Amino acid sequence: MTFVIGAGAALLLLALFVAIERRSAAPMIDLALFRNAEFALGALAALVIFMGIASTRFLVPFFLQAVRGIPAGQVGLVFVPAATVTAIAAPFAGRFADRFGGGMPCCMHPVAAASITLAGRGERGRASDQSVAGRP
């Protein structure tokens, strides 16, 4: 029931935002941009990616605590490396994209994420479905 209320409120606020933006003399975003298929699909892809990232960052701590039995303090430490890399890389990312274009950083991220994931799988040999689910 809570999901239905939240989804309904989100749709209502989206409709309100579109109505206000259409009437505004200086809109925050030109809604005509969404008529361009490449822009609209890129925006949709970004939305899906960021929803995935946000949901993972929200759910993984619960999984690690409830299923794997890891104490909360250690779970917090799991997220420190990603936050540290982000804090270090963020100031340079804009200049890097200006110099080399946006395509290369967008391609490098999935490759780096896949490499880190594969490296982590080799830590204890090949991870099985049981070990991932918290069962030895």
C-alpha atoms as a PDB file:
ATOM      1  CA  MET A   1       0.000   0.000   0.000  1.00  0.00           C
ATOM      2  CA  THR A   2       2.853   2.378   0.824  1.00  0.00           C
ATOM      3  CA  PHE A   3       4.385   1.753  -2.616  1.00  0.00           C
ATOM      4  CA  VAL A   4       1.110   2.617  -4.330  1.00  0.00           C
ATOM      5  CA  ILE A   5       0.809   5.863  -2.372  1.00  0.00           C
ATOM      6  CA  GLY A   6       4.437   6.779  -3.096  1.00  0.00           C
ATOM      7  CA  ALA A   7       4.137   5.957  -6.801  1.00  0.00           C
ATOM      8  CA  GLY A   8       0.888   7.924  -7.033  1.00  0.00           C
ATOM      9  CA  ALA A   9       2.456  10.927  -5.313  1.00  0.00           C
ATOM     10  CA  ALA A  10       5.480  10.733  -7.637  1.00  0.00           C
ATOM     11  CA  LEU A  11       3.267  10.673 -10.734  1.00  0.00           C
ATOM     12  CA  LEU A  12       1.187  13.554  -9.420  1.00  0.00           C
ATOM     13  CA  LEU A  13       4.296  15.632  -8.701  1.00  0.00           C
ATOM     14  CA  LEU A  14       5.727  14.791 -12.137  1.00  0.00           C
ATOM     15  CA  ALA A  15       2.513  15.949 -13.819  1.00  0.00           C
ATOM     16  CA  LEU A  16       2.564  19.130 -11.730  1.00  0.00           C
ATOM     17  CA  PHE A  17       6.214  19.754 -12.652  1.00  0.00           C
ATOM     18  CA  VAL A  18       5.489  19.321 -16.383  1.00  0.00           C
ATOM     19  CA  ALA A  19       2.460  21.630 -16.187  1.00  0.00           C
ATOM     20  CA  ILE A  20       4.457  24.350 -14.420  1.00  0.00           C
ATOM     21  CA  GLU A  21       7.455  23.985 -16.766  1.00  0.00           C
ATOM     22  CA  ARG A  22       5.240  24.329 -19.859  1.00  0.00           C
ATOM     23  CA  ARG A  23       3.824  27.635 -18.623  1.00  0.00           C
ATOM     24  CA  SER A  24       7.101  29.049 -17.295  1.00  0.00           C
ATOM     25  CA  ALA A  25       8.845  31.849 -19.186  1.00  0.00           C
ATOM     26  CA  ALA A  26      12.232  30.478 -18.067  1.00  0.00           C
ATOM     27  CA  PRO A  27      11.824  26.722 -17.469  1.00  0.00           C
ATOM     28  CA  MET A  28      14.431  24.674 -15.599  1.00  0.00           C
ATOM     29  CA  ILE A  29      14.593  22.306 -18.575  1.00  0.00           C
ATOM     30  CA  ASP A  30      13.246  22.691 -22.082  1.00  0.00           C
ATOM     31  CA  LEU A  31      10.731  19.860 -22.356  1.00  0.00           C
ATOM     32  CA  ALA A  32      11.164  19.880 -26.141  1.00  0.00           C
ATOM     33  CA  LEU A  33      14.489  18.128 -25.560  1.00  0.00           C
ATOM     34  CA  PHE A  34      12.552  14.957 -24.752  1.00  0.00           C
ATOM     35  CA  ARG A  35      11.243  14.877 -28.341  1.00  0.00           C
ATOM     36  CA  ASN A  36      14.798  13.946 -29.374  1.00  0.00           C
ATOM     37  CA  ALA A  37      14.930  10.141 -29.072  1.00  0.00           C
ATOM     38  CA  GLU A  38      18.644  10.042 -28.226  1.00  0.00           C
ATOM     39  CA  PHE A  39      18.229  12.541 -25.390  1.00  0.00           C
ATOM     40  CA  ALA A  40      15.106  10.829 -24.042  1.00  0.00           C
ATOM     41  CA  LEU A  41      16.691   7.368 -24.106  1.00  0.00           C
ATOM     42  CA  GLY A  42      19.896   8.700 -22.550  1.00  0.00           C
ATOM     43  CA  ALA A  43      17.911  10.323 -19.758  1.00  0.00           C
ATOM     44  CA  LEU A  44      15.948   7.100 -19.235  1.00  0.00           C
ATOM     45  CA  ALA A  45      19.175   5.059 -19.149  1.00  0.00           C
ATOM     46  CA  ALA A  46      20.688   7.447 -16.598  1.00  0.00           C
ATOM     47  CA  LEU A  47      17.535   7.172 -14.474  1.00  0.00           C
ATOM     48  CA  VAL A  48      17.646   3.363 -14.516  1.00  0.00           C
ATOM     49  CA  ILE A  49      21.379   3.300 -13.717  1.00  0.00           C
ATOM     50  CA  PHE A  50      21.079   5.699 -10.799  1.00  0.00           C
ATOM     51  CA  MET A  51      18.018   3.846  -9.463  1.00  0.00           C
ATOM     52  CA  GLY A  52      20.088   0.657  -9.531  1.00  0.00           C
ATOM     53  CA  ILE A  53      22.995   2.313  -7.742  1.00  0.00           C
ATOM     54  CA  ALA A  54      20.733   3.869  -5.118  1.00  0.00           C
ATOM     55  CA  SER A  55      18.806   0.664  -4.476  1.00  0.00           C
ATOM     56  CA  THR A  56      22.042  -1.299  -4.142  1.00  0.00           C
ATOM     57  CA  ARG A  57      23.477   1.171  -1.666  1.00  0.00           C
ATOM     58  CA  PHE A  58      20.237   0.953   0.291  1.00  0.00           C
ATOM     59  CA  LEU A  59      19.761  -2.838   0.266  1.00  0.00           C
ATOM     60  CA  VAL A  60      23.311  -4.213   0.538  1.00  0.00           C
ATOM     61  CA  PRO A  61      23.782  -3.144   4.183  1.00  0.00           C
ATOM     62  CA  PHE A  62      20.600  -5.006   5.149  1.00  0.00           C
ATOM     63  CA  PHE A  63      21.776  -8.085   3.259  1.00  0.00           C
ATOM     64  CA  LEU A  64      25.200  -8.014   4.857  1.00  0.00           C
ATOM     65  CA  GLN A  65      23.755  -7.653   8.351  1.00  0.00           C
ATOM     66  CA  ALA A  66      20.708  -9.930   8.160  1.00  0.00           C
ATOM     67  CA  VAL A  67      21.914 -12.685   5.820  1.00  0.00           C
ATOM     68  CA  ARG A  68      25.677 -12.679   6.238  1.00  0.00           C
ATOM     69  CA  GLY A  69      25.611 -11.735   9.938  1.00  0.00           C
ATOM     70  CA  ILE A  70      28.224  -8.997   9.627  1.00  0.00           C
ATOM     71  CA  PRO A  71      28.138  -6.388  12.433  1.00  0.00           C
ATOM     72  CA  ALA A  72      26.918  -2.892  11.503  1.00  0.00           C
ATOM     73  CA  GLY A  73      30.320  -1.285  12.049  1.00  0.00           C
ATOM     74  CA  GLN A  74      31.982  -3.651   9.600  1.00  0.00           C
ATOM     75  CA  VAL A  75      29.170  -3.148   7.099  1.00  0.00           C
ATOM     76  CA  GLY A  76      29.871   0.573   7.211  1.00  0.00           C
ATOM     77  CA  LEU A  77      33.528  -0.125   6.444  1.00  0.00           C
ATOM     78  CA  VAL A  78      32.499  -2.031   3.318  1.00  0.00           C
ATOM     79  CA  PHE A  79      31.391   1.249   1.744  1.00  0.00           C
ATOM     80  CA  VAL A  80      34.488   3.261   2.699  1.00  0.00           C
ATOM     81  CA  PRO A  81      36.616   2.302  -0.358  1.00  0.00           C
ATOM     82  CA  ALA A  82      33.960   3.364  -2.876  1.00  0.00           C
ATOM     83  CA  ALA A  83      33.341   6.619  -1.035  1.00  0.00           C
ATOM     84  CA  THR A  84      37.072   7.316  -0.829  1.00  0.00           C
ATOM     85  CA  VAL A  85      37.628   6.703  -4.540  1.00  0.00           C
ATOM     86  CA  THR A  86      34.662   8.922  -5.375  1.00  0.00           C
ATOM     87  CA  ALA A  87      35.935  11.721  -3.142  1.00  0.00           C
ATOM     88  CA  ILE A  88      39.389  11.541  -4.702  1.00  0.00           C
ATOM     89  CA  ALA A  89      38.267  11.186  -8.327  1.00  0.00           C
ATOM     90  CA  ALA A  90      35.368  13.657  -8.370  1.00  0.00           C
ATOM     91  CA  PRO A  91      37.439  16.860  -8.529  1.00  0.00           C
ATOM     92  CA  PHE A  92      39.353  15.531 -11.545  1.00  0.00           C
ATOM     93  CA  ALA A  93      36.426  13.957 -13.409  1.00  0.00           C
ATOM     94  CA  GLY A  94      35.153  17.203 -14.947  1.00  0.00           C
ATOM     95  CA  ARG A  95      38.544  18.206 -16.281  1.00  0.00           C
ATOM     96  CA  PHE A  96      39.106  14.686 -17.585  1.00  0.00           C
ATOM     97  CA  ALA A  97      35.767  14.717 -19.433  1.00  0.00           C
ATOM     98  CA  ASP A  98      36.505  18.177 -20.863  1.00  0.00           C
ATOM     99  CA  ARG A  99      39.848  17.004 -22.184  1.00  0.00           C
ATOM    100  CA  PHE A 100      38.897  13.565 -23.535  1.00  0.00           C
ATOM    101  CA  GLY A 101      35.123  13.854 -24.026  1.00  0.00           C
ATOM    102  CA  GLY A 102      32.347  12.148 -22.129  1.00  0.00           C
ATOM    103  CA  GLY A 103      32.468   8.847 -24.012  1.00  0.00           C
ATOM    104  CA  MET A 104      35.649   7.448 -22.532  1.00  0.00           C
ATOM    105  CA  PRO A 105      34.707   7.959 -18.846  1.00  0.00           C
ATOM    106  CA  CYS A 106      31.309   6.423 -19.522  1.00  0.00           C
ATOM    107  CA  CYS A 107      32.973   3.360 -21.031  1.00  0.00           C
ATOM    108  CA  MET A 108      35.645   3.104 -18.351  1.00  0.00           C
ATOM    109  CA  HIS A 109      33.221   2.874 -15.413  1.00  0.00           C
ATOM    110  CA  PRO A 110      31.525  -0.414 -16.384  1.00  0.00           C
ATOM    111  CA  VAL A 111      34.899  -1.941 -17.280  1.00  0.00           C
ATOM    112  CA  ALA A 112      36.362  -0.909 -13.907  1.00  0.00           C
ATOM    113  CA  ALA A 113      33.280  -2.162 -12.036  1.00  0.00           C
ATOM    114  CA  ALA A 114      33.398  -5.515 -13.839  1.00  0.00           C
ATOM    115  CA  SER A 115      37.148  -5.839 -13.151  1.00  0.00           C
ATOM    116  CA  ILE A 116      36.670  -5.167  -9.448  1.00  0.00           C
ATOM    117  CA  THR A 117      33.791  -7.647  -9.300  1.00  0.00           C
ATOM    118  CA  LEU A 118      35.815 -10.360 -11.015  1.00  0.00           C
ATOM    119  CA  ALA A 119      38.817  -9.669  -8.789  1.00  0.00           C
ATOM    120  CA  GLY A 120      36.601 -10.052  -5.720  1.00  0.00           C
ATOM    121  CA  ARG A 121      35.325 -13.396  -6.947  1.00  0.00           C
ATOM    122  CA  GLY A 122      38.864 -14.740  -6.983  1.00  0.00           C
ATOM    123  CA  GLU A 123      39.399 -13.890  -3.314  1.00  0.00           C
ATOM    124  CA  ARG A 124      38.090 -17.207  -2.004  1.00  0.00           C
ATOM    125  CA  GLY A 125      38.177 -19.135  -5.235  1.00  0.00           C
ATOM    126  CA  ARG A 126      35.040 -19.315  -7.292  1.00  0.00           C
ATOM    127  CA  ALA A 127      32.064 -17.886  -5.400  1.00  0.00           C
ATOM    128  CA  SER A 128      29.092 -20.209  -5.347  1.00  0.00           C
ATOM    129  CA  ASP A 129      25.448 -19.304  -5.062  1.00  0.00           C
ATOM    130  CA  GLN A 130      25.432 -20.636  -1.500  1.00  0.00           C
ATOM    131  CA  SER A 131      28.330 -18.442  -0.365  1.00  0.00           C
ATOM    132  CA  VAL A 132      26.747 -15.375  -1.943  1.00  0.00           C
ATOM    133  CA  ALA A 133      23.460 -16.131  -0.168  1.00  0.00           C
ATOM    134  CA  GLY A 134      25.219 -16.361   3.185  1.00  0.00           C
ATOM    135  CA  ARG A 135      25.399 -20.145   3.420  1.00  0.00           C
ATOM    136  CA  PRO A 136      28.871 -21.757   3.627  1.00  0.00           C
END
